[in-house]
Amino acid sequence: VQLVESGGGLVHPGESLRLSCVASGIDVSTSWMYWYRQAPGKGREYVAEITTAGSPHDADSVKGRFTISRAIAPNTLYLQMDNLQPEDTAVYYCHTDNPPADYWGQGTQVTVSS
């Protein structure tokens, strides 16, 4: 299983980004998929998830601003991030698991600064 994130960058407060996670070795349409993030000096934080049935859920800190989705072709997980704020600055990771196996991408940096 390989997960490759992209789409990060430097934006101003209030702007948007869309992160992508291209998956190989799994089918994102039938896997429980997650986005996590890790800010400098902090632990990894849950951001959002999408269930095998396609139901999205997200953390209170991003509710109403971030939207998780997936596409069959290409086999990709997305995170649409709107109204970004400085506190959203972090490395964002795509994640899935098939216990006991645990899969993470390499991460993509998102920096929000005026």
C-alpha atoms as a PDB file:
ATOM      1  CA  VAL A   1       0.000   0.000   0.000  1.00  0.00           C
ATOM      2  CA  GLN A   2       1.287   3.449  -0.920  1.00  0.00           C
ATOM      3  CA  LEU A   3      -0.281   6.815  -0.117  1.00  0.00           C
ATOM      4  CA  VAL A   4       1.091   9.975  -1.755  1.00  0.00           C
ATOM      5  CA  GLU A   5      -0.194  13.393  -0.673  1.00  0.00           C
ATOM      6  CA  SER A   6       0.076  16.609  -2.652  1.00  0.00           C
ATOM      7  CA  GLY A   7      -1.528  20.026  -2.891  1.00  0.00           C
ATOM      8  CA  GLY A   8      -0.039  21.776   0.106  1.00  0.00           C
ATOM      9  CA  GLY A   9       1.462  25.236  -0.035  1.00  0.00           C
ATOM     10  CA  LEU A  10       1.635  28.723   1.424  1.00  0.00           C
ATOM     11  CA  VAL A  11      -1.628  30.681   1.493  1.00  0.00           C
ATOM     12  CA  HIS A  12      -3.050  33.752   3.201  1.00  0.00           C
ATOM     13  CA  PRO A  13      -5.803  33.561   5.856  1.00  0.00           C
ATOM     14  CA  GLY A  14      -9.205  33.067   4.252  1.00  0.00           C
ATOM     15  CA  GLU A  15      -7.858  31.312   1.163  1.00  0.00           C
ATOM     16  CA  SER A  16      -8.417  27.711   0.065  1.00  0.00           C
ATOM     17  CA  LEU A  17      -6.417  24.617  -0.831  1.00  0.00           C
ATOM     18  CA  ARG A  18      -7.341  21.140  -1.993  1.00  0.00           C
ATOM     19  CA  LEU A  19      -5.166  18.282  -0.832  1.00  0.00           C
ATOM     20  CA  SER A  20      -4.971  15.011  -2.748  1.00  0.00           C
ATOM     21  CA  CYS A  21      -3.881  11.558  -1.649  1.00  0.00           C
ATOM     22  CA  VAL A  22      -3.283   9.118  -4.478  1.00  0.00           C
ATOM     23  CA  ALA A  23      -3.524   5.545  -3.258  1.00  0.00           C
ATOM     24  CA  SER A  24      -2.119   2.335  -4.674  1.00  0.00           C
ATOM     25  CA  GLY A  25      -2.580  -1.138  -3.290  1.00  0.00           C
ATOM     26  CA  ILE A  26      -5.987  -0.290  -1.867  1.00  0.00           C
ATOM     27  CA  ASP A  27      -9.311   0.907  -3.235  1.00  0.00           C
ATOM     28  CA  VAL A  28     -10.229   4.225  -1.588  1.00  0.00           C
ATOM     29  CA  SER A  29     -13.895   3.691  -2.462  1.00  0.00           C
ATOM     30  CA  THR A  30     -14.069   0.640  -0.182  1.00  0.00           C
ATOM     31  CA  SER A  31     -11.597   1.682   2.523  1.00  0.00           C
ATOM     32  CA  TRP A  32     -12.056   3.759   5.660  1.00  0.00           C
ATOM     33  CA  MET A  33      -9.800   6.742   4.983  1.00  0.00           C
ATOM     34  CA  TYR A  34      -8.568   9.574   7.184  1.00  0.00           C
ATOM     35  CA  TRP A  35      -6.774  12.910   7.127  1.00  0.00           C
ATOM     36  CA  TYR A  36      -4.578  13.845  10.083  1.00  0.00           C
ATOM     37  CA  ARG A  37      -2.293  16.827  10.637  1.00  0.00           C
ATOM     38  CA  GLN A  38       0.697  17.660  12.791  1.00  0.00           C
ATOM     39  CA  ALA A  39       1.606  21.213  13.708  1.00  0.00           C
ATOM     40  CA  PRO A  40       5.147  22.144  14.788  1.00  0.00           C
ATOM     41  CA  GLY A  41       5.818  20.950  18.324  1.00  0.00           C
ATOM     42  CA  LYS A  42       2.460  19.168  18.611  1.00  0.00           C
ATOM     43  CA  GLY A  43       1.144  15.644  18.296  1.00  0.00           C
ATOM     44  CA  ARG A  44      -0.687  14.252  15.305  1.00  0.00           C
ATOM     45  CA  GLU A  45      -4.301  15.473  15.249  1.00  0.00           C
ATOM     46  CA  TYR A  46      -7.371  13.912  13.641  1.00  0.00           C
ATOM     47  CA  VAL A  47      -8.925  16.096  10.932  1.00  0.00           C
ATOM     48  CA  ALA A  48     -11.506  14.094   9.000  1.00  0.00           C
ATOM     49  CA  GLU A  49     -12.550  10.637   7.877  1.00  0.00           C
ATOM     50  CA  ILE A  50     -14.742   9.000   5.282  1.00  0.00           C
ATOM     51  CA  THR A  51     -16.287   5.618   5.965  1.00  0.00           C
ATOM     52  CA  THR A  52     -16.500   2.655   3.626  1.00  0.00           C
ATOM     53  CA  ALA A  53     -20.129   3.690   3.021  1.00  0.00           C
ATOM     54  CA  GLY A  54     -18.987   7.171   2.032  1.00  0.00           C
ATOM     55  CA  SER A  55     -20.125   9.041   5.153  1.00  0.00           C
ATOM     56  CA  PRO A  56     -17.851  11.973   5.995  1.00  0.00           C
ATOM     57  CA  HIS A  57     -16.974  13.112   9.519  1.00  0.00           C
ATOM     58  CA  ASP A  58     -14.635  15.825  10.698  1.00  0.00           C
ATOM     59  CA  ALA A  59     -13.133  17.394  13.785  1.00  0.00           C
ATOM     60  CA  ASP A  60     -14.874  20.323  15.473  1.00  0.00           C
ATOM     61  CA  SER A  61     -11.858  22.518  14.713  1.00  0.00           C
ATOM     62  CA  VAL A  62     -12.449  22.257  10.952  1.00  0.00           C
ATOM     63  CA  LYS A  63     -16.215  21.743  10.815  1.00  0.00           C
ATOM     64  CA  GLY A  64     -17.857  23.860   8.148  1.00  0.00           C
ATOM     65  CA  ARG A  65     -14.513  24.711   6.535  1.00  0.00           C
ATOM     66  CA  PHE A  66     -12.976  21.378   5.443  1.00  0.00           C
ATOM     67  CA  THR A  67     -14.627  18.682   3.304  1.00  0.00           C
ATOM     68  CA  ILE A  68     -13.333  15.156   2.787  1.00  0.00           C
ATOM     69  CA  SER A  69     -14.226  13.263  -0.380  1.00  0.00           C
ATOM     70  CA  ARG A  70     -12.942  10.488  -2.605  1.00  0.00           C
ATOM     71  CA  ALA A  71     -12.860   9.504  -6.258  1.00  0.00           C
ATOM     72  CA  ILE A  72     -12.749   6.073  -7.848  1.00  0.00           C
ATOM     73  CA  ALA A  73     -10.811   7.293 -10.858  1.00  0.00           C
ATOM     74  CA  PRO A  74      -8.230   8.326 -10.091  1.00  0.00           C
ATOM     75  CA  ASN A  75      -8.055   6.326  -6.874  1.00  0.00           C
ATOM     76  CA  THR A  76      -7.751   9.427  -4.726  1.00  0.00           C
ATOM     77  CA  LEU A  77      -8.779  10.888  -1.379  1.00  0.00           C
ATOM     78  CA  TYR A  78      -9.301  14.658  -1.196  1.00  0.00           C
ATOM     79  CA  LEU A  79      -9.478  17.328   1.468  1.00  0.00           C
ATOM     80  CA  GLN A  80     -11.010  20.629   0.384  1.00  0.00           C
ATOM     81  CA  MET A  81      -9.909  23.294   2.853  1.00  0.00           C
ATOM     82  CA  ASP A  82     -11.703  26.655   2.787  1.00  0.00           C
ATOM     83  CA  ASN A  83     -11.277  29.746   4.939  1.00  0.00           C
ATOM     84  CA  LEU A  84      -7.858  28.597   6.078  1.00  0.00           C
ATOM     85  CA  GLN A  85      -6.500  30.132   9.282  1.00  0.00           C
ATOM     86  CA  PRO A  86      -2.987  30.322  10.767  1.00  0.00           C
ATOM     87  CA  GLU A  87      -3.885  27.590  13.260  1.00  0.00           C
ATOM     88  CA  ASP A  88      -4.376  25.216  10.303  1.00  0.00           C
ATOM     89  CA  THR A  89      -0.640  25.356   9.598  1.00  0.00           C
ATOM     90  CA  ALA A  90       0.640  21.786   9.763  1.00  0.00           C
ATOM     91  CA  VAL A  91       1.847  18.802   7.802  1.00  0.00           C
ATOM     92  CA  TYR A  92      -1.224  16.944   6.537  1.00  0.00           C
ATOM     93  CA  TYR A  93      -1.212  13.151   6.278  1.00  0.00           C
ATOM     94  CA  CYS A  94      -3.425  10.639   4.553  1.00  0.00           C
ATOM     95  CA  HIS A  95      -4.050   7.441   6.540  1.00  0.00           C
ATOM     96  CA  THR A  96      -5.771   4.094   6.342  1.00  0.00           C
ATOM     97  CA  ASP A  97      -5.396   0.815   8.137  1.00  0.00           C
ATOM     98  CA  ASN A  98      -6.076  -2.874   7.796  1.00  0.00           C
ATOM     99  CA  PRO A  99      -5.226  -4.164  11.267  1.00  0.00           C
ATOM    100  CA  PRO A 100      -2.591  -4.918  12.209  1.00  0.00           C
ATOM    101  CA  ALA A 101      -1.178  -2.961   9.229  1.00  0.00           C
ATOM    102  CA  ASP A 102      -1.155   0.833   9.453  1.00  0.00           C
ATOM    103  CA  TYR A 103      -0.485   3.040   6.416  1.00  0.00           C
ATOM    104  CA  TRP A 104       0.559   6.704   6.237  1.00  0.00           C
ATOM    105  CA  GLY A 105       1.679   8.976   3.451  1.00  0.00           C
ATOM    106  CA  GLN A 106       4.759  11.188   3.627  1.00  0.00           C
ATOM    107  CA  GLY A 107       2.676  14.300   4.276  1.00  0.00           C
ATOM    108  CA  THR A 108       2.202  17.650   2.571  1.00  0.00           C
ATOM    109  CA  GLN A 109       2.967  20.996   4.224  1.00  0.00           C
ATOM    110  CA  VAL A 110       0.233  23.600   4.568  1.00  0.00           C
ATOM    111  CA  THR A 111       1.281  27.029   5.795  1.00  0.00           C
ATOM    112  CA  VAL A 112      -1.247  29.805   6.426  1.00  0.00           C
ATOM    113  CA  SER A 113       0.324  33.184   7.021  1.00  0.00           C
ATOM    114  CA  SER A 114      -0.354  36.810   6.316  1.00  0.00           C
END
